[in-house]
N, C-alpha and C. Protein backbone atom coordinates (compact mmCIF):
# COMPACT_ATOMS: atom_id res chain seq x y z
N UNK A 1 -70.06 12.67 7.19
CA UNK A 1 -69.61 11.34 7.11
C UNK A 1 -70.59 10.76 8.41
N UNK A 2 -70.33 9.80 8.57
CA UNK A 2 -71.38 8.82 9.41
C UNK A 2 -69.48 8.56 10.39
N UNK A 3 -70.37 8.57 11.56
CA UNK A 3 -69.34 8.09 12.68
C UNK A 3 -68.89 6.50 12.60
N UNK A 4 -69.57 5.92 12.11
CA UNK A 4 -69.24 3.90 11.52
C UNK A 4 -67.91 4.22 10.36
N UNK A 5 -67.81 5.10 9.46
CA UNK A 5 -66.98 5.59 8.30
C UNK A 5 -65.91 5.97 9.11
N UNK A 6 -66.06 6.97 9.60
CA UNK A 6 -64.99 8.29 10.12
C UNK A 6 -64.64 6.61 11.32
N UNK A 7 -64.92 5.63 12.43
CA UNK A 7 -63.96 5.37 12.24
C UNK A 7 -63.84 4.20 12.39
N UNK A 8 -63.71 3.65 10.56
CA UNK A 8 -63.01 2.84 9.37
C UNK A 8 -61.93 3.59 9.28
N UNK A 9 -62.08 4.87 8.29
CA UNK A 9 -61.19 5.80 7.87
C UNK A 9 -59.94 5.31 9.07
N UNK A 10 -60.21 5.73 10.41
CA UNK A 10 -59.30 5.51 11.44
C UNK A 10 -58.55 4.57 11.30
N UNK A 11 -59.56 4.10 11.64
CA UNK A 11 -58.06 1.83 11.90
C UNK A 11 -58.12 2.02 10.60
N UNK A 12 -58.18 2.16 9.74
CA UNK A 12 -57.42 2.05 8.24
C UNK A 12 -56.51 3.28 8.09
N UNK A 13 -56.18 3.98 8.68
CA UNK A 13 -54.59 4.74 8.46
C UNK A 13 -54.01 4.26 9.90
N UNK A 14 -54.42 3.30 11.21
CA UNK A 14 -53.61 2.73 11.43
C UNK A 14 -53.05 1.81 11.54
N UNK A 15 -53.62 1.04 10.58
CA UNK A 15 -52.43 -0.20 9.84
C UNK A 15 -52.11 0.07 8.81
N UNK A 16 -51.95 1.52 8.32
CA UNK A 16 -51.51 1.95 7.09
C UNK A 16 -50.52 2.60 8.47
N UNK A 17 -50.41 3.23 9.10
CA UNK A 17 -49.04 3.53 10.02
C UNK A 17 -47.55 2.64 10.06
N UNK A 18 -49.23 1.82 11.03
CA UNK A 18 -48.21 0.83 11.54
C UNK A 18 -47.37 -0.64 10.48
N UNK A 19 -47.91 -0.41 9.06
CA UNK A 19 -47.65 -1.26 8.09
C UNK A 19 -45.76 -0.46 7.03
N UNK A 20 -46.17 0.86 7.39
CA UNK A 20 -45.70 2.46 7.42
C UNK A 20 -44.38 2.26 8.07
N UNK A 21 -44.70 1.80 9.59
CA UNK A 21 -43.76 1.22 10.65
C UNK A 21 -43.14 -0.09 10.31
N UNK A 22 -43.66 -0.41 9.89
CA UNK A 22 -42.88 -2.21 10.03
C UNK A 22 -42.44 -2.28 8.53
N UNK A 23 -42.51 -1.60 7.73
CA UNK A 23 -42.13 -2.10 6.24
C UNK A 23 -40.66 -0.88 6.87
N UNK A 24 -40.61 0.46 7.02
CA UNK A 24 -38.82 0.68 7.42
C UNK A 24 -38.37 0.16 8.65
N UNK A 25 -39.18 -0.19 8.80
CA UNK A 25 -37.78 -1.18 10.98
C UNK A 25 -37.26 -2.01 9.45
N UNK A 26 -38.23 -3.24 8.64
CA UNK A 26 -37.37 -4.14 7.74
C UNK A 26 -36.11 -3.31 6.88
N UNK A 27 -36.83 -2.46 6.32
CA UNK A 27 -36.15 -1.72 5.01
C UNK A 27 -34.68 -0.94 5.98
N UNK A 28 -34.87 -0.77 7.18
CA UNK A 28 -33.19 -0.22 8.21
C UNK A 28 -32.58 -1.86 8.32
N UNK A 29 -33.34 -2.44 8.86
CA UNK A 29 -32.55 -3.72 8.81
C UNK A 29 -31.38 -3.94 7.42
N UNK A 30 -32.04 -3.84 6.70
CA UNK A 30 -31.58 -4.78 6.06
C UNK A 30 -30.94 -3.17 5.70
N UNK A 31 -30.88 -2.25 5.56
CA UNK A 31 -29.73 -1.56 5.07
C UNK A 31 -27.93 -1.52 6.22
N UNK A 32 -28.82 -1.95 7.98
CA UNK A 32 -27.81 -1.75 8.86
C UNK A 32 -27.20 -3.16 8.05
N UNK A 33 -28.13 -3.66 8.14
CA UNK A 33 -26.65 -4.61 7.74
C UNK A 33 -25.91 -4.87 6.24
N UNK A 34 -26.24 -4.65 5.15
CA UNK A 34 -25.29 -4.06 4.21
C UNK A 34 -24.38 -3.24 4.63
N UNK A 35 -24.69 -2.03 5.77
CA UNK A 35 -23.39 -1.39 5.83
C UNK A 35 -22.44 -2.11 6.71
N UNK A 36 -22.95 -3.21 7.79
CA UNK A 36 -21.53 -3.82 8.61
C UNK A 36 -21.46 -4.59 7.68
N UNK A 37 -21.72 -5.31 6.17
CA UNK A 37 -20.75 -6.21 4.79
C UNK A 37 -20.21 -5.02 4.54
N UNK A 38 -20.31 -4.46 4.17
CA UNK A 38 -19.50 -2.90 4.16
C UNK A 38 -18.38 -2.29 4.70
N UNK A 39 -18.77 -2.60 5.26
CA UNK A 39 -17.38 -2.32 7.02
C UNK A 39 -16.62 -2.95 7.09
N UNK A 40 -17.05 -4.04 7.06
CA UNK A 40 -15.99 -5.93 7.13
C UNK A 40 -14.95 -5.81 5.86
N UNK A 41 -15.86 -5.57 4.58
CA UNK A 41 -15.28 -5.63 3.26
C UNK A 41 -14.28 -4.52 3.64
N UNK A 42 -14.54 -3.34 3.41
CA UNK A 42 -13.12 -2.55 3.66
C UNK A 42 -11.75 -2.45 4.48
N UNK A 43 -13.16 -3.53 5.83
CA UNK A 43 -11.83 -2.93 6.57
C UNK A 43 -10.59 -4.15 6.35
N UNK A 44 -11.11 -5.40 5.65
CA UNK A 44 -10.90 -6.47 5.16
C UNK A 44 -9.43 -5.75 4.79
N UNK A 45 -9.87 -5.30 3.82
CA UNK A 45 -9.25 -4.61 2.39
C UNK A 45 -8.30 -3.93 2.75
N UNK A 46 -8.09 -2.74 3.69
CA UNK A 46 -7.52 -2.16 4.27
C UNK A 46 -5.95 -3.31 5.00
N UNK A 47 -6.47 -3.85 5.16
CA UNK A 47 -5.24 -5.26 5.94
C UNK A 47 -4.69 -6.09 5.05
N UNK A 48 -5.73 -6.05 3.86
CA UNK A 48 -4.88 -6.48 2.26
C UNK A 48 -3.89 -5.52 1.90
N UNK A 49 -4.28 -4.37 1.83
CA UNK A 49 -3.61 -3.35 1.31
C UNK A 49 -2.53 -3.16 2.12
N UNK A 50 -2.31 -2.41 2.97
CA UNK A 50 -1.52 -2.84 3.99
C UNK A 50 -0.60 -4.00 4.55
N UNK A 51 -0.81 -4.94 4.34
CA UNK A 51 -0.41 -6.21 3.73
C UNK A 51 1.03 -6.17 2.81
N UNK A 52 -0.11 -5.87 1.39
CA UNK A 52 1.24 -5.44 0.18
C UNK A 52 1.70 -4.54 0.31
N UNK A 53 1.85 -3.93 1.29
CA UNK A 53 2.02 -2.30 0.97
C UNK A 53 3.78 -3.35 1.60
N UNK A 54 3.76 -3.18 3.53
CA UNK A 54 4.54 -4.04 4.29
C UNK A 54 5.36 -5.27 3.22
N UNK A 55 4.23 -5.75 2.48
CA UNK A 55 5.81 -7.24 1.59
C UNK A 55 5.98 -5.94 0.87
N UNK A 56 4.99 -5.43 -0.54
CA UNK A 56 6.36 -4.56 -0.88
C UNK A 56 7.69 -4.26 -0.81
N UNK A 57 7.47 -3.34 0.02
CA UNK A 57 8.71 -2.71 1.06
C UNK A 57 9.31 -4.02 1.51
N UNK A 58 9.61 -4.35 1.65
CA UNK A 58 10.43 -5.87 2.03
C UNK A 58 11.63 -6.41 1.39
N UNK A 59 10.52 -6.22 -0.46
CA UNK A 59 10.24 -7.22 -1.73
C UNK A 59 12.16 -6.08 -1.92
N UNK A 60 11.49 -4.85 -2.23
CA UNK A 60 12.39 -3.33 -1.69
C UNK A 60 13.33 -2.72 -1.79
N UNK A 61 13.66 -3.57 -0.58
CA UNK A 61 15.35 -3.42 1.29
C UNK A 61 15.54 -5.11 0.22
N UNK A 62 14.72 -6.69 -0.26
CA UNK A 62 15.89 -7.23 -0.66
C UNK A 62 17.02 -7.08 -1.65
N UNK A 63 15.97 -5.94 -3.22
CA UNK A 63 16.29 -6.08 -4.03
C UNK A 63 18.09 -4.70 -3.83
N UNK A 64 17.00 -3.97 -3.46
CA UNK A 64 18.79 -3.26 -3.43
C UNK A 64 19.92 -3.95 -2.02
N UNK A 65 19.81 -4.51 -1.03
CA UNK A 65 20.41 -5.77 -0.46
C UNK A 65 21.32 -5.62 -1.84
N UNK A 66 20.74 -6.50 -2.27
CA UNK A 66 21.00 -7.95 -3.44
C UNK A 66 22.18 -7.35 -4.67
N UNK A 67 21.18 -5.86 -5.05
CA UNK A 67 21.68 -5.09 -6.10
C UNK A 67 23.27 -4.34 -5.17
N UNK A 68 23.16 -4.75 -3.70
CA UNK A 68 24.27 -3.71 -4.26
C UNK A 68 25.94 -4.90 -3.15
N UNK A 69 25.43 -6.33 -2.72
CA UNK A 69 25.77 -6.94 -3.01
C UNK A 69 27.08 -7.70 -4.61
N UNK A 70 25.53 -7.50 -5.59
CA UNK A 70 26.69 -7.82 -7.20
C UNK A 70 27.03 -6.55 -7.37
N UNK A 71 26.77 -5.25 -7.10
CA UNK A 71 27.46 -4.54 -6.86
C UNK A 71 29.47 -5.01 -6.60
N UNK A 72 29.00 -4.97 -5.32
CA UNK A 72 31.01 -4.91 -4.06
C UNK A 72 31.53 -6.47 -5.35
N UNK A 73 30.37 -7.95 -5.27
CA UNK A 73 31.14 -8.49 -6.53
C UNK A 73 31.40 -8.44 -8.13
N UNK A 74 31.02 -7.61 -8.42
CA UNK A 74 31.62 -7.10 -9.71
C UNK A 74 32.75 -6.63 -9.95
N UNK A 75 32.94 -5.46 -8.55
CA UNK A 75 34.11 -4.88 -7.97
C UNK A 75 35.52 -5.66 -8.14
N UNK A 76 35.15 -6.61 -6.99
CA UNK A 76 35.83 -8.15 -6.40
C UNK A 76 36.23 -8.42 -8.40
N UNK A 77 35.39 -8.53 -8.87
CA UNK A 77 35.37 -9.51 -10.18
C UNK A 77 36.39 -8.95 -11.18
N UNK A 78 35.97 -7.94 -11.35
CA UNK A 78 36.35 -6.23 -11.75
C UNK A 78 38.25 -6.61 -10.79
N UNK A 79 38.69 -5.94 -10.03
CA UNK A 79 39.99 -6.13 -9.21
C UNK A 79 40.48 -7.16 -10.03
N UNK A 80 40.16 -8.71 -10.16
CA UNK A 80 40.68 -10.12 -10.28
C UNK A 80 40.90 -10.14 -11.96
N UNK A 81 39.55 -9.50 -12.16
CA UNK A 81 40.91 -9.15 -14.38
C UNK A 81 40.88 -9.04 -14.59
N UNK A 82 42.13 -7.90 -13.59
CA UNK A 82 42.60 -6.72 -13.47
C UNK A 82 43.97 -7.19 -13.44
N UNK A 83 43.96 -7.90 -11.89
CA UNK A 83 45.17 -8.79 -12.03
C UNK A 83 45.78 -9.58 -12.43
N UNK A 84 44.69 -10.51 -13.29
CA UNK A 84 44.59 -11.62 -13.58
C UNK A 84 45.34 -11.73 -15.28
N UNK A 85 44.42 -9.83 -16.26
CA UNK A 85 45.90 -9.43 -17.07
C UNK A 85 46.77 -8.92 -16.88
N UNK A 86 46.91 -8.92 -16.02
CA UNK A 86 48.31 -7.91 -16.02
C UNK A 86 49.29 -9.46 -15.73
N UNK A 87 49.63 -10.04 -14.74
CA UNK A 87 50.08 -11.14 -15.01
C UNK A 87 50.15 -11.68 -16.04
N UNK A 88 49.26 -12.28 -16.82
CA UNK A 88 49.64 -12.81 -18.60
C UNK A 88 49.97 -11.65 -19.12
N UNK A 89 50.13 -10.31 -19.31
CA UNK A 89 50.98 -9.60 -20.22
C UNK A 89 52.58 -10.48 -19.28
N UNK A 90 52.45 -10.04 -18.61
CA UNK A 90 54.21 -10.17 -18.24
C UNK A 90 53.95 -11.73 -18.17
N UNK A 91 53.47 -12.78 -18.46
CA UNK A 91 53.90 -13.43 -18.84
C UNK A 91 53.95 -13.80 -19.66
N UNK A 92 53.38 -13.35 -21.38
CA UNK A 92 53.70 -13.39 -22.25
C UNK A 92 54.96 -12.54 -22.59
N UNK A 93 55.60 -11.56 -21.42
CA UNK A 93 56.57 -10.48 -22.09
C UNK A 93 57.70 -11.65 -22.06
N UNK A 94 57.98 -11.82 -20.87
CA UNK A 94 59.24 -13.12 -19.87
C UNK A 94 59.42 -14.47 -21.26
N UNK A 95 57.96 -14.24 -22.20
CA UNK A 95 58.26 -15.72 -23.14
C UNK A 95 59.46 -15.58 -23.95
């Protein structure tokens, strides 16, 4: 192989190495950008999920309080109804 051909081959290999290096650098930049975007989306999704869990927990607590209040009201109404029925029965006997 002549020295001139060897020099051309060497220069071509150098160019190829530079092109591959540049191509890999570009690919890595794109991958890093995509990874950053994915990480941001995951963080955002986790924050939204945490907010929803907190909101659901608050709603469950409110439902429990409402059920307790309604149970108390039903007890009061049942007692009043019983007293009114007794009064009505008493009035019927007296009539």
